[in-house]
Amino acid sequence: MNEKERTRRIVDDLLLYCFSNDIQKLQLDIQQDKTKVTIHLTGYCESKPSDMEKFFDALNAPRNPNLEGYYDELLGGHQEFRKTQEYRLLGMMIDEAQLRFEFPEIQLELTRFFH
């Protein structure tokens, strides 16, 4: 699978998280060069998502390039909502995650380096 398709699947899972937590007014910025892709997502919510810390911990799961073919099949699936622990798959596809929440704004930045 190419990097553009992986990026699309990562974005799909981010949007799924936002929609399942009523995060609205989403702004998405994707920057890609020869070495990495960085995804910036900003949104607004009426209350802090109850699973936000668990979600962020899942995003910081160590990347495992040896299993990417397996993750490719599962990431960006057509589930209506994911359990927080399933977001570990997303974390295993990225190298860095940053999260900032200042009510009512939430900001996420994910980086995936091309190996």
PDB file of N, CA and C in Angstrom:
ATOM      1  N   MET A   1       0.844  -1.172   0.000  1.00  0.00           N
ATOM      2  CA  MET A   1       0.000   0.000   0.000  1.00  0.00           C
ATOM      3  C   MET A   1       0.891   1.237   0.000  1.00  0.00           C
ATOM      4  N   ASN A   2       0.534   2.230  -0.769  1.00  0.00           N
ATOM      5  CA  ASN A   2       1.368   3.425  -0.852  1.00  0.00           C
ATOM      6  C   ASN A   2       1.054   4.392   0.291  1.00  0.00           C
ATOM      7  N   GLU A   3       1.927   5.376   0.473  1.00  0.00           N
ATOM      8  CA  GLU A   3       1.811   6.299   1.601  1.00  0.00           C
ATOM      9  C   GLU A   3       0.562   7.177   1.519  1.00  0.00           C
ATOM     10  N   LYS A   4       0.130   7.520   0.327  1.00  0.00           N
ATOM     11  CA  LYS A   4      -1.087   8.327   0.206  1.00  0.00           C
ATOM     12  C   LYS A   4      -2.301   7.555   0.719  1.00  0.00           C
ATOM     13  N   GLU A   5      -2.371   6.278   0.409  1.00  0.00           N
ATOM     14  CA  GLU A   5      -3.485   5.451   0.883  1.00  0.00           C
ATOM     15  C   GLU A   5      -3.407   5.280   2.404  1.00  0.00           C
ATOM     16  N   ARG A   6      -2.220   5.082   2.950  1.00  0.00           N
ATOM     17  CA  ARG A   6      -2.074   4.985   4.405  1.00  0.00           C
ATOM     18  C   ARG A   6      -2.516   6.287   5.069  1.00  0.00           C
ATOM     19  N   THR A   7      -2.134   7.403   4.484  1.00  0.00           N
ATOM     20  CA  THR A   7      -2.535   8.698   5.033  1.00  0.00           C
ATOM     21  C   THR A   7      -4.050   8.822   5.026  1.00  0.00           C
ATOM     22  N   ARG A   8      -4.679   8.417   3.944  1.00  0.00           N
ATOM     23  CA  ARG A   8      -6.146   8.475   3.871  1.00  0.00           C
ATOM     24  C   ARG A   8      -6.782   7.649   4.984  1.00  0.00           C
ATOM     25  N   ARG A   9      -6.239   6.483   5.235  1.00  0.00           N
ATOM     26  CA  ARG A   9      -6.796   5.616   6.275  1.00  0.00           C
ATOM     27  C   ARG A   9      -6.577   6.195   7.668  1.00  0.00           C
ATOM     28  N   ILE A  10      -5.432   6.818   7.878  1.00  0.00           N
ATOM     29  CA  ILE A  10      -5.169   7.475   9.160  1.00  0.00           C
ATOM     30  C   ILE A  10      -6.183   8.603   9.369  1.00  0.00           C
ATOM     31  N   VAL A  11      -6.401   9.404   8.342  1.00  0.00           N
ATOM     32  CA  VAL A  11      -7.370  10.499   8.421  1.00  0.00           C
ATOM     33  C   VAL A  11      -8.771   9.945   8.668  1.00  0.00           C
ATOM     34  N   ASP A  12      -9.136   8.851   8.017  1.00  0.00           N
ATOM     35  CA  ASP A  12     -10.439   8.229   8.245  1.00  0.00           C
ATOM     36  C   ASP A  12     -10.641   7.913   9.721  1.00  0.00           C
ATOM     37  N   ASP A  13      -9.620   7.329  10.355  1.00  0.00           N
ATOM     38  CA  ASP A  13      -9.742   6.978  11.759  1.00  0.00           C
ATOM     39  C   ASP A  13      -9.797   8.217  12.651  1.00  0.00           C
ATOM     40  N   LEU A  14      -9.058   9.253  12.310  1.00  0.00           N
ATOM     41  CA  LEU A  14      -9.141  10.497  13.072  1.00  0.00           C
ATOM     42  C   LEU A  14     -10.546  11.092  12.989  1.00  0.00           C
ATOM     43  N   LEU A  15     -11.107  11.109  11.793  1.00  0.00           N
ATOM     44  CA  LEU A  15     -12.462  11.635  11.626  1.00  0.00           C
ATOM     45  C   LEU A  15     -13.484  10.789  12.375  1.00  0.00           C
ATOM     46  N   LEU A  16     -13.297   9.498  12.373  1.00  0.00           N
ATOM     47  CA  LEU A  16     -14.191   8.611  13.115  1.00  0.00           C
ATOM     48  C   LEU A  16     -14.168   8.958  14.598  1.00  0.00           C
ATOM     49  N   TYR A  17     -12.972   9.205  15.139  1.00  0.00           N
ATOM     50  CA  TYR A  17     -12.870   9.599  16.544  1.00  0.00           C
ATOM     51  C   TYR A  17     -13.611  10.921  16.777  1.00  0.00           C
ATOM     52  N   CYS A  18     -13.388  11.884  15.913  1.00  0.00           N
ATOM     53  CA  CYS A  18     -14.036  13.190  16.064  1.00  0.00           C
ATOM     54  C   CYS A  18     -15.552  13.070  15.998  1.00  0.00           C
ATOM     55  N   PHE A  19     -16.059  12.361  15.019  1.00  0.00           N
ATOM     56  CA  PHE A  19     -17.505  12.220  14.870  1.00  0.00           C
ATOM     57  C   PHE A  19     -18.118  11.483  16.064  1.00  0.00           C
ATOM     58  N   SER A  20     -17.434  10.472  16.578  1.00  0.00           N
ATOM     59  CA  SER A  20     -17.976   9.703  17.697  1.00  0.00           C
ATOM     60  C   SER A  20     -17.922  10.483  19.007  1.00  0.00           C
ATOM     61  N   ASN A  21     -17.163  11.581  19.040  1.00  0.00           N
ATOM     62  CA  ASN A  21     -17.081  12.416  20.240  1.00  0.00           C
ATOM     63  C   ASN A  21     -17.685  13.801  20.030  1.00  0.00           C
ATOM     64  N   ASP A  22     -18.490  13.947  19.012  1.00  0.00           N
ATOM     65  CA  ASP A  22     -19.184  15.201  18.714  1.00  0.00           C
ATOM     66  C   ASP A  22     -18.230  16.391  18.606  1.00  0.00           C
ATOM     67  N   ILE A  23     -17.062  16.164  18.039  1.00  0.00           N
ATOM     68  CA  ILE A  23     -16.116  17.241  17.757  1.00  0.00           C
ATOM     69  C   ILE A  23     -16.520  17.827  16.411  1.00  0.00           C
ATOM     70  N   GLN A  24     -16.759  19.141  16.392  1.00  0.00           N
ATOM     71  CA  GLN A  24     -17.319  19.780  15.206  1.00  0.00           C
ATOM     72  C   GLN A  24     -16.395  20.868  14.674  1.00  0.00           C
ATOM     73  N   LYS A  25     -16.816  21.495  13.595  1.00  0.00           N
ATOM     74  CA  LYS A  25     -16.058  22.562  12.936  1.00  0.00           C
ATOM     75  C   LYS A  25     -14.615  22.114  12.693  1.00  0.00           C
ATOM     76  N   LEU A  26     -14.485  20.976  12.084  1.00  0.00           N
ATOM     77  CA  LEU A  26     -13.168  20.380  11.852  1.00  0.00           C
ATOM     78  C   LEU A  26     -12.398  21.106  10.761  1.00  0.00           C
ATOM     79  N   GLN A  27     -11.118  21.289  11.027  1.00  0.00           N
ATOM     80  CA  GLN A  27     -10.188  21.816  10.038  1.00  0.00           C
ATOM     81  C   GLN A  27      -9.059  20.817   9.935  1.00  0.00           C
ATOM     82  N   LEU A  28      -8.728  20.444   8.720  1.00  0.00           N
ATOM     83  CA  LEU A  28      -7.720  19.421   8.473  1.00  0.00           C
ATOM     84  C   LEU A  28      -6.660  19.977   7.536  1.00  0.00           C
ATOM     85  N   ASP A  29      -5.404  19.780   7.909  1.00  0.00           N
ATOM     86  CA  ASP A  29      -4.290  20.210   7.074  1.00  0.00           C
ATOM     87  C   ASP A  29      -3.315  19.041   6.979  1.00  0.00           C
ATOM     88  N   ILE A  30      -2.999  18.635   5.770  1.00  0.00           N
ATOM     89  CA  ILE A  30      -2.071  17.529   5.542  1.00  0.00           C
ATOM     90  C   ILE A  30      -0.884  18.069   4.768  1.00  0.00           C
ATOM     91  N   GLN A  31       0.299  17.877   5.333  1.00  0.00           N
ATOM     92  CA  GLN A  31       1.526  18.322   4.673  1.00  0.00           C
ATOM     93  C   GLN A  31       2.415  17.097   4.464  1.00  0.00           C
ATOM     94  N   GLN A  32       2.803  16.887   3.220  1.00  0.00           N
ATOM     95  CA  GLN A  32       3.612  15.718   2.881  1.00  0.00           C
ATOM     96  C   GLN A  32       4.830  16.166   2.087  1.00  0.00           C
ATOM     97  N   ASP A  33       5.978  15.595   2.426  1.00  0.00           N
ATOM     98  CA  ASP A  33       7.180  15.794   1.623  1.00  0.00           C
ATOM     99  C   ASP A  33       7.803  14.423   1.381  1.00  0.00           C
ATOM    100  N   LYS A  34       9.050  14.382   0.992  1.00  0.00           N
ATOM    101  CA  LYS A  34       9.686  13.102   0.648  1.00  0.00           C
ATOM    102  C   LYS A  34       9.982  12.233   1.859  1.00  0.00           C
ATOM    103  N   THR A  35      10.005  12.810   3.062  1.00  0.00           N
ATOM    104  CA  THR A  35      10.394  12.049   4.245  1.00  0.00           C
ATOM    105  C   THR A  35       9.268  11.761   5.220  1.00  0.00           C
ATOM    106  N   LYS A  36       8.174  12.537   5.146  1.00  0.00           N
ATOM    107  CA  LYS A  36       7.121  12.358   6.152  1.00  0.00           C
ATOM    108  C   LYS A  36       5.807  12.980   5.704  1.00  0.00           C
ATOM    109  N   VAL A  37       4.773  12.630   6.447  1.00  0.00           N
ATOM    110  CA  VAL A  37       3.483  13.294   6.326  1.00  0.00           C
ATOM    111  C   VAL A  37       3.099  13.766   7.724  1.00  0.00           C
ATOM    112  N   THR A  38       2.586  15.002   7.802  1.00  0.00           N
ATOM    113  CA  THR A  38       2.116  15.551   9.064  1.00  0.00           C
ATOM    114  C   THR A  38       0.654  15.949   8.884  1.00  0.00           C
ATOM    115  N   ILE A  39      -0.159  15.496   9.815  1.00  0.00           N
ATOM    116  CA  ILE A  39      -1.594  15.751   9.778  1.00  0.00           C
ATOM    117  C   ILE A  39      -1.942  16.632  10.969  1.00  0.00           C
ATOM    118  N   HIS A  40      -2.517  17.791  10.682  1.00  0.00           N
ATOM    119  CA  HIS A  40      -2.987  18.714  11.719  1.00  0.00           C
ATOM    120  C   HIS A  40      -4.507  18.705  11.672  1.00  0.00           C
ATOM    121  N   LEU A  41      -5.128  18.484  12.817  1.00  0.00           N
ATOM    122  CA  LEU A  41      -6.581  18.498  12.883  1.00  0.00           C
ATOM    123  C   LEU A  41      -6.993  19.391  14.048  1.00  0.00           C
ATOM    124  N   THR A  42      -7.903  20.303  13.791  1.00  0.00           N
ATOM    125  CA  THR A  42      -8.452  21.178  14.827  1.00  0.00           C
ATOM    126  C   THR A  42      -9.966  21.052  14.796  1.00  0.00           C
ATOM    127  N   GLY A  43     -10.558  21.002  15.975  1.00  0.00           N
ATOM    128  CA  GLY A  43     -12.006  20.926  16.074  1.00  0.00           C
ATOM    129  C   GLY A  43     -12.476  21.530  17.376  1.00  0.00           C
ATOM    130  N   TYR A  44     -13.789  21.621  17.510  1.00  0.00           N
ATOM    131  CA  TYR A  44     -14.395  22.229  18.691  1.00  0.00           C
ATOM    132  C   TYR A  44     -15.436  21.290  19.266  1.00  0.00           C
ATOM    133  N   CYS A  45     -15.481  21.218  20.597  1.00  0.00           N
ATOM    134  CA  CYS A  45     -16.443  20.343  21.253  1.00  0.00           C
ATOM    135  C   CYS A  45     -17.044  21.059  22.465  1.00  0.00           C
ATOM    136  N   GLU A  46     -18.246  20.643  22.820  1.00  0.00           N
ATOM    137  CA  GLU A  46     -18.942  21.264  23.939  1.00  0.00           C
ATOM    138  C   GLU A  46     -18.412  20.799  25.282  1.00  0.00           C
ATOM    139  N   SER A  47     -17.762  19.639  25.301  1.00  0.00           N
ATOM    140  CA  SER A  47     -17.145  19.139  26.529  1.00  0.00           C
ATOM    141  C   SER A  47     -15.947  18.269  26.142  1.00  0.00           C
ATOM    142  N   LYS A  48     -15.050  18.116  27.065  1.00  0.00           N
ATOM    143  CA  LYS A  48     -13.853  17.304  26.836  1.00  0.00           C
ATOM    144  C   LYS A  48     -14.274  15.857  26.606  1.00  0.00           C
ATOM    145  N   PRO A  49     -13.783  15.220  25.536  1.00  0.00           N
ATOM    146  CA  PRO A  49     -14.120  13.805  25.325  1.00  0.00           C
ATOM    147  C   PRO A  49     -13.673  12.966  26.524  1.00  0.00           C
ATOM    148  N   SER A  50     -14.553  12.117  27.004  1.00  0.00           N
ATOM    149  CA  SER A  50     -14.270  11.334  28.215  1.00  0.00           C
ATOM    150  C   SER A  50     -13.099  10.374  28.036  1.00  0.00           C
ATOM    151  N   ASP A  51     -12.827   9.982  26.798  1.00  0.00           N
ATOM    152  CA  ASP A  51     -11.741   9.025  26.547  1.00  0.00           C
ATOM    153  C   ASP A  51     -10.506   9.692  25.944  1.00  0.00           C
ATOM    154  N   MET A  52     -10.386  11.003  26.063  1.00  0.00           N
ATOM    155  CA  MET A  52      -9.311  11.721  25.380  1.00  0.00           C
ATOM    156  C   MET A  52      -7.920  11.249  25.825  1.00  0.00           C
ATOM    157  N   GLU A  53      -7.703  11.041  27.118  1.00  0.00           N
ATOM    158  CA  GLU A  53      -6.387  10.598  27.581  1.00  0.00           C
ATOM    159  C   GLU A  53      -6.077   9.185  27.074  1.00  0.00           C
ATOM    160  N   LYS A  54      -7.068   8.317  27.099  1.00  0.00           N
ATOM    161  CA  LYS A  54      -6.867   6.955  26.592  1.00  0.00           C
ATOM    162  C   LYS A  54      -6.593   6.976  25.096  1.00  0.00           C
ATOM    163  N   PHE A  55      -7.291   7.836  24.379  1.00  0.00           N
ATOM    164  CA  PHE A  55      -7.074   7.981  22.941  1.00  0.00           C
ATOM    165  C   PHE A  55      -5.644   8.442  22.675  1.00  0.00           C
ATOM    166  N   PHE A  56      -5.192   9.444  23.412  1.00  0.00           N
ATOM    167  CA  PHE A  56      -3.831   9.956  23.228  1.00  0.00           C
ATOM    168  C   PHE A  56      -2.797   8.886  23.584  1.00  0.00           C
ATOM    169  N   ASP A  57      -3.035   8.129  24.656  1.00  0.00           N
ATOM    170  CA  ASP A  57      -2.122   7.030  25.000  1.00  0.00           C
ATOM    171  C   ASP A  57      -2.063   6.009  23.868  1.00  0.00           C
ATOM    172  N   ALA A  58      -3.208   5.708  23.268  1.00  0.00           N
ATOM    173  CA  ALA A  58      -3.248   4.754  22.154  1.00  0.00           C
ATOM    174  C   ALA A  58      -2.467   5.282  20.965  1.00  0.00           C
ATOM    175  N   LEU A  59      -2.548   6.580  20.715  1.00  0.00           N
ATOM    176  CA  LEU A  59      -1.806   7.167  19.599  1.00  0.00           C
ATOM    177  C   LEU A  59      -0.301   7.083  19.808  1.00  0.00           C
ATOM    178  N   ASN A  60       0.124   6.975  21.044  1.00  0.00           N
ATOM    179  CA  ASN A  60       1.545   6.900  21.357  1.00  0.00           C
ATOM    180  C   ASN A  60       2.055   5.468  21.479  1.00  0.00           C
ATOM    181  N   ALA A  61       1.276   4.504  21.000  1.00  0.00           N
ATOM    182  CA  ALA A  61       1.772   3.122  20.941  1.00  0.00           C
ATOM    183  C   ALA A  61       2.985   3.111  20.017  1.00  0.00           C
ATOM    184  N   PRO A  62       4.008   2.347  20.364  1.00  0.00           N
ATOM    185  CA  PRO A  62       5.206   2.321  19.500  1.00  0.00           C
ATOM    186  C   PRO A  62       4.875   1.848  18.085  1.00  0.00           C
ATOM    187  N   ARG A  63       5.469   2.497  17.128  1.00  0.00           N
ATOM    188  CA  ARG A  63       5.273   2.104  15.732  1.00  0.00           C
ATOM    189  C   ARG A  63       5.940   0.758  15.494  1.00  0.00           C
ATOM    190  N   ASN A  64       5.289  -0.071  14.703  1.00  0.00           N
ATOM    191  CA  ASN A  64       5.811  -1.394  14.403  1.00  0.00           C
ATOM    192  C   ASN A  64       5.762  -1.625  12.898  1.00  0.00           C
ATOM    193  N   PRO A  65       6.822  -1.210  12.177  1.00  0.00           N
ATOM    194  CA  PRO A  65       6.810  -1.332  10.713  1.00  0.00           C
ATOM    195  C   PRO A  65       6.739  -2.772  10.213  1.00  0.00           C
ATOM    196  N   ASN A  66       7.135  -3.736  11.037  1.00  0.00           N
ATOM    197  CA  ASN A  66       7.121  -5.134  10.607  1.00  0.00           C
ATOM    198  C   ASN A  66       5.710  -5.669  10.405  1.00  0.00           C
ATOM    199  N   LEU A  67       4.736  -5.016  11.021  1.00  0.00           N
ATOM    200  CA  LEU A  67       3.364  -5.501  10.934  1.00  0.00           C
ATOM    201  C   LEU A  67       2.450  -4.590  10.122  1.00  0.00           C
ATOM    202  N   GLU A  68       3.026  -3.673   9.338  1.00  0.00           N
ATOM    203  CA  GLU A  68       2.214  -2.687   8.641  1.00  0.00           C
ATOM    204  C   GLU A  68       1.231  -3.289   7.649  1.00  0.00           C
ATOM    205  N   GLY A  69       1.579  -4.384   7.019  1.00  0.00           N
ATOM    206  CA  GLY A  69       0.638  -5.024   6.099  1.00  0.00           C
ATOM    207  C   GLY A  69      -0.634  -5.441   6.804  1.00  0.00           C
ATOM    208  N   TYR A  70      -0.490  -5.952   8.014  1.00  0.00           N
ATOM    209  CA  TYR A  70      -1.647  -6.346   8.829  1.00  0.00           C
ATOM    210  C   TYR A  70      -2.468  -5.122   9.213  1.00  0.00           C
ATOM    211  N   TYR A  71      -1.807  -4.064   9.673  1.00  0.00           N
ATOM    212  CA  TYR A  71      -2.504  -2.849  10.080  1.00  0.00           C
ATOM    213  C   TYR A  71      -3.201  -2.195   8.895  1.00  0.00           C
ATOM    214  N   ASP A  72      -2.582  -2.295   7.715  1.00  0.00           N
ATOM    215  CA  ASP A  72      -3.187  -1.707   6.518  1.00  0.00           C
ATOM    216  C   ASP A  72      -4.599  -2.237   6.303  1.00  0.00           C
ATOM    217  N   GLU A  73      -4.801  -3.516   6.582  1.00  0.00           N
ATOM    218  CA  GLU A  73      -6.104  -4.136   6.372  1.00  0.00           C
ATOM    219  C   GLU A  73      -7.137  -3.666   7.390  1.00  0.00           C
ATOM    220  N   LEU A  74      -6.683  -3.342   8.609  1.00  0.00           N
ATOM    221  CA  LEU A  74      -7.618  -2.991   9.673  1.00  0.00           C
ATOM    222  C   LEU A  74      -7.857  -1.495   9.803  1.00  0.00           C
ATOM    223  N   LEU A  75      -6.857  -0.703   9.493  1.00  0.00           N
ATOM    224  CA  LEU A  75      -6.956   0.740   9.669  1.00  0.00           C
ATOM    225  C   LEU A  75      -7.915   1.326   8.644  1.00  0.00           C
ATOM    226  N   GLY A  76      -8.721   2.264   9.067  1.00  0.00           N
ATOM    227  CA  GLY A  76      -9.651   2.924   8.143  1.00  0.00           C
ATOM    228  C   GLY A  76     -10.796   2.032   7.730  1.00  0.00           C
ATOM    229  N   GLY A  77     -11.104   1.045   8.575  1.00  0.00           N
ATOM    230  CA  GLY A  77     -12.213   0.147   8.279  1.00  0.00           C
ATOM    231  C   GLY A  77     -13.545   0.869   8.349  1.00  0.00           C
ATOM    232  N   HIS A  78     -14.587   0.185   8.056  1.00  0.00           N
ATOM    233  CA  HIS A  78     -15.897   0.819   7.950  1.00  0.00           C
ATOM    234  C   HIS A  78     -16.717   0.659   9.222  1.00  0.00           C
ATOM    235  N   GLN A  79     -16.070   0.652  10.377  1.00  0.00           N
ATOM    236  CA  GLN A  79     -16.812   0.569  11.624  1.00  0.00           C
ATOM    237  C   GLN A  79     -17.422   1.923  11.924  1.00  0.00           C
ATOM    238  N   GLU A  80     -18.604   1.892  12.517  1.00  0.00           N
ATOM    239  CA  GLU A  80     -19.256   3.158  12.835  1.00  0.00           C
ATOM    240  C   GLU A  80     -18.529   3.862  13.970  1.00  0.00           C
ATOM    241  N   PHE A  81     -18.161   3.124  15.006  1.00  0.00           N
ATOM    242  CA  PHE A  81     -17.400   3.671  16.121  1.00  0.00           C
ATOM    243  C   PHE A  81     -16.341   2.651  16.517  1.00  0.00           C
ATOM    244  N   ARG A  82     -15.222   3.134  17.015  1.00  0.00           N
ATOM    245  CA  ARG A  82     -14.156   2.264  17.486  1.00  0.00           C
ATOM    246  C   ARG A  82     -14.082   2.333  18.997  1.00  0.00           C
ATOM    247  N   LYS A  83     -13.621   1.242  19.575  1.00  0.00           N
ATOM    248  CA  LYS A  83     -13.275   1.262  20.989  1.00  0.00           C
ATOM    249  C   LYS A  83     -11.905   1.919  21.092  1.00  0.00           C
ATOM    250  N   THR A  84     -11.678   2.597  22.188  1.00  0.00           N
ATOM    251  CA  THR A  84     -10.428   3.351  22.336  1.00  0.00           C
ATOM    252  C   THR A  84      -9.214   2.464  22.157  1.00  0.00           C
ATOM    253  N   GLN A  85      -9.241   1.245  22.685  1.00  0.00           N
ATOM    254  CA  GLN A  85      -8.067   0.387  22.566  1.00  0.00           C
ATOM    255  C   GLN A  85      -7.754   0.033  21.117  1.00  0.00           C
ATOM    256  N   GLU A  86      -8.744   0.102  20.229  1.00  0.00           N
ATOM    257  CA  GLU A  86      -8.499  -0.185  18.820  1.00  0.00           C
ATOM    258  C   GLU A  86      -7.719   0.937  18.140  1.00  0.00           C
ATOM    259  N   TYR A  87      -7.689   2.105  18.759  1.00  0.00           N
ATOM    260  CA  TYR A  87      -6.901   3.192  18.202  1.00  0.00           C
ATOM    261  C   TYR A  87      -5.401   2.938  18.357  1.00  0.00           C
ATOM    262  N   ARG A  88      -5.026   1.901  19.094  1.00  0.00           N
ATOM    263  CA  ARG A  88      -3.610   1.519  19.167  1.00  0.00           C
ATOM    264  C   ARG A  88      -3.095   1.166  17.780  1.00  0.00           C
ATOM    265  N   LEU A  89      -3.954   0.622  16.929  1.00  0.00           N
ATOM    266  CA  LEU A  89      -3.554   0.338  15.551  1.00  0.00           C
ATOM    267  C   LEU A  89      -3.128   1.611  14.849  1.00  0.00           C
ATOM    268  N   LEU A  90      -3.885   2.671  15.083  1.00  0.00           N
ATOM    269  CA  LEU A  90      -3.533   3.963  14.508  1.00  0.00           C
ATOM    270  C   LEU A  90      -2.186   4.424  15.061  1.00  0.00           C
ATOM    271  N   GLY A  91      -1.994   4.296  16.363  1.00  0.00           N
ATOM    272  CA  GLY A  91      -0.731   4.671  16.982  1.00  0.00           C
ATOM    273  C   GLY A  91       0.448   3.898  16.430  1.00  0.00           C
ATOM    274  N   MET A  92       0.225   2.654  16.059  1.00  0.00           N
ATOM    275  CA  MET A  92       1.297   1.817  15.532  1.00  0.00           C
ATOM    276  C   MET A  92       1.657   2.162  14.090  1.00  0.00           C
ATOM    277  N   MET A  93       0.865   3.046  13.473  1.00  0.00           N
ATOM    278  CA  MET A  93       1.141   3.468  12.101  1.00  0.00           C
ATOM    279  C   MET A  93       1.807   4.836  12.034  1.00  0.00           C
ATOM    280  N   ILE A  94       1.906   5.513  13.167  1.00  0.00           N
ATOM    281  CA  ILE A  94       2.486   6.854  13.181  1.00  0.00           C
ATOM    282  C   ILE A  94       3.710   6.883  14.088  1.00  0.00           C
ATOM    283  N   ASP A  95       4.512   7.917  13.949  1.00  0.00           N
ATOM    284  CA  ASP A  95       5.729   8.049  14.749  1.00  0.00           C
ATOM    285  C   ASP A  95       5.589   9.045  15.895  1.00  0.00           C
ATOM    286  N   GLU A  96       4.804  10.087  15.696  1.00  0.00           N
ATOM    287  CA  GLU A  96       4.661  11.118  16.722  1.00  0.00           C
ATOM    288  C   GLU A  96       3.210  11.576  16.793  1.00  0.00           C
ATOM    289  N   ALA A  97       2.773  11.872  18.018  1.00  0.00           N
ATOM    290  CA  ALA A  97       1.425  12.409  18.220  1.00  0.00           C
ATOM    291  C   ALA A  97       1.486  13.501  19.279  1.00  0.00           C
ATOM    292  N   GLN A  98       0.812  14.590  18.993  1.00  0.00           N
ATOM    293  CA  GLN A  98       0.679  15.677  19.962  1.00  0.00           C
ATOM    294  C   GLN A  98      -0.795  16.026  20.065  1.00  0.00           C
ATOM    295  N   LEU A  99      -1.231  16.303  21.284  1.00  0.00           N
ATOM    296  CA  LEU A  99      -2.623  16.647  21.541  1.00  0.00           C
ATOM    297  C   LEU A  99      -2.659  17.866  22.451  1.00  0.00           C
ATOM    298  N   ARG A 100      -3.522  18.803  22.102  1.00  0.00           N
ATOM    299  CA  ARG A 100      -3.712  19.979  22.937  1.00  0.00           C
ATOM    300  C   ARG A 100      -5.211  20.227  23.059  1.00  0.00           C
ATOM    301  N   PHE A 101      -5.663  20.406  24.290  1.00  0.00           N
ATOM    302  CA  PHE A 101      -7.074  20.700  24.521  1.00  0.00           C
ATOM    303  C   PHE A 101      -7.184  21.928  25.408  1.00  0.00           C
ATOM    304  N   GLU A 102      -7.769  22.965  24.871  1.00  0.00           N
ATOM    305  CA  GLU A 102      -8.115  24.169  25.621  1.00  0.00           C
ATOM    306  C   GLU A 102      -9.551  24.463  25.260  1.00  0.00           C
ATOM    307  N   PHE A 103     -10.439  24.158  26.195  1.00  0.00           N
ATOM    308  CA  PHE A 103     -11.868  24.255  25.935  1.00  0.00           C
ATOM    309  C   PHE A 103     -12.197  25.545  25.208  1.00  0.00           C
ATOM    310  N   PRO A 104     -12.928  25.445  24.131  1.00  0.00           N
ATOM    311  CA  PRO A 104     -13.573  24.271  23.533  1.00  0.00           C
ATOM    312  C   PRO A 104     -12.766  23.644  22.386  1.00  0.00           C
ATOM    313  N   GLU A 105     -11.501  24.073  22.214  1.00  0.00           N
ATOM    314  CA  GLU A 105     -10.721  23.641  21.048  1.00  0.00           C
ATOM    315  C   GLU A 105      -9.843  22.432  21.365  1.00  0.00           C
ATOM    316  N   ILE A 106      -9.821  21.502  20.415  1.00  0.00           N
ATOM    317  CA  ILE A 106      -8.926  20.356  20.489  1.00  0.00           C
ATOM    318  C   ILE A 106      -8.049  20.374  19.243  1.00  0.00           C
ATOM    319  N   GLN A 107      -6.760  20.139  19.431  1.00  0.00           N
ATOM    320  CA  GLN A 107      -5.823  20.104  18.310  1.00  0.00           C
ATOM    321  C   GLN A 107      -5.022  18.814  18.375  1.00  0.00           C
ATOM    322  N   LEU A 108      -4.913  18.175  17.233  1.00  0.00           N
ATOM    323  CA  LEU A 108      -4.120  16.961  17.097  1.00  0.00           C
ATOM    324  C   LEU A 108      -3.083  17.176  15.992  1.00  0.00           C
ATOM    325  N   GLU A 109      -1.901  16.677  16.214  1.00  0.00           N
ATOM    326  CA  GLU A 109      -0.877  16.674  15.161  1.00  0.00           C
ATOM    327  C   GLU A 109      -0.239  15.292  15.163  1.00  0.00           C
ATOM    328  N   LEU A 110      -0.315  14.627  14.040  1.00  0.00           N
ATOM    329  CA  LEU A 110       0.270  13.297  13.877  1.00  0.00           C
ATOM    330  C   LEU A 110       1.328  13.358  12.783  1.00  0.00           C
ATOM    331  N   THR A 111       2.446  12.671  13.015  1.00  0.00           N
ATOM    332  CA  THR A 111       3.521  12.614  12.018  1.00  0.00           C
ATOM    333  C   THR A 111       3.875  11.159  11.757  1.00  0.00           C
ATOM    334  N   ARG A 112       4.016  10.853  10.487  1.00  0.00           N
ATOM    335  CA  ARG A 112       4.456   9.519  10.055  1.00  0.00           C
ATOM    336  C   ARG A 112       5.668   9.723   9.142  1.00  0.00           C
ATOM    337  N   PHE A 113       6.790   9.139   9.559  1.00  0.00           N
ATOM    338  CA  PHE A 113       8.002   9.203   8.745  1.00  0.00           C
ATOM    339  C   PHE A 113       8.013   8.033   7.765  1.00  0.00           C
ATOM    340  N   PHE A 114       8.471   8.284   6.564  1.00  0.00           N
ATOM    341  CA  PHE A 114       8.556   7.225   5.556  1.00  0.00           C
ATOM    342  C   PHE A 114       9.876   6.486   5.755  1.00  0.00           C
ATOM    343  N   HIS A 115       9.768   5.197   5.910  1.00  0.00           N
ATOM    344  CA  HIS A 115      10.977   4.377   6.120  1.00  0.00           C
ATOM    345  C   HIS A 115      11.341   3.662   4.850  1.00  0.00           C
TER     346      HIS A 115
END
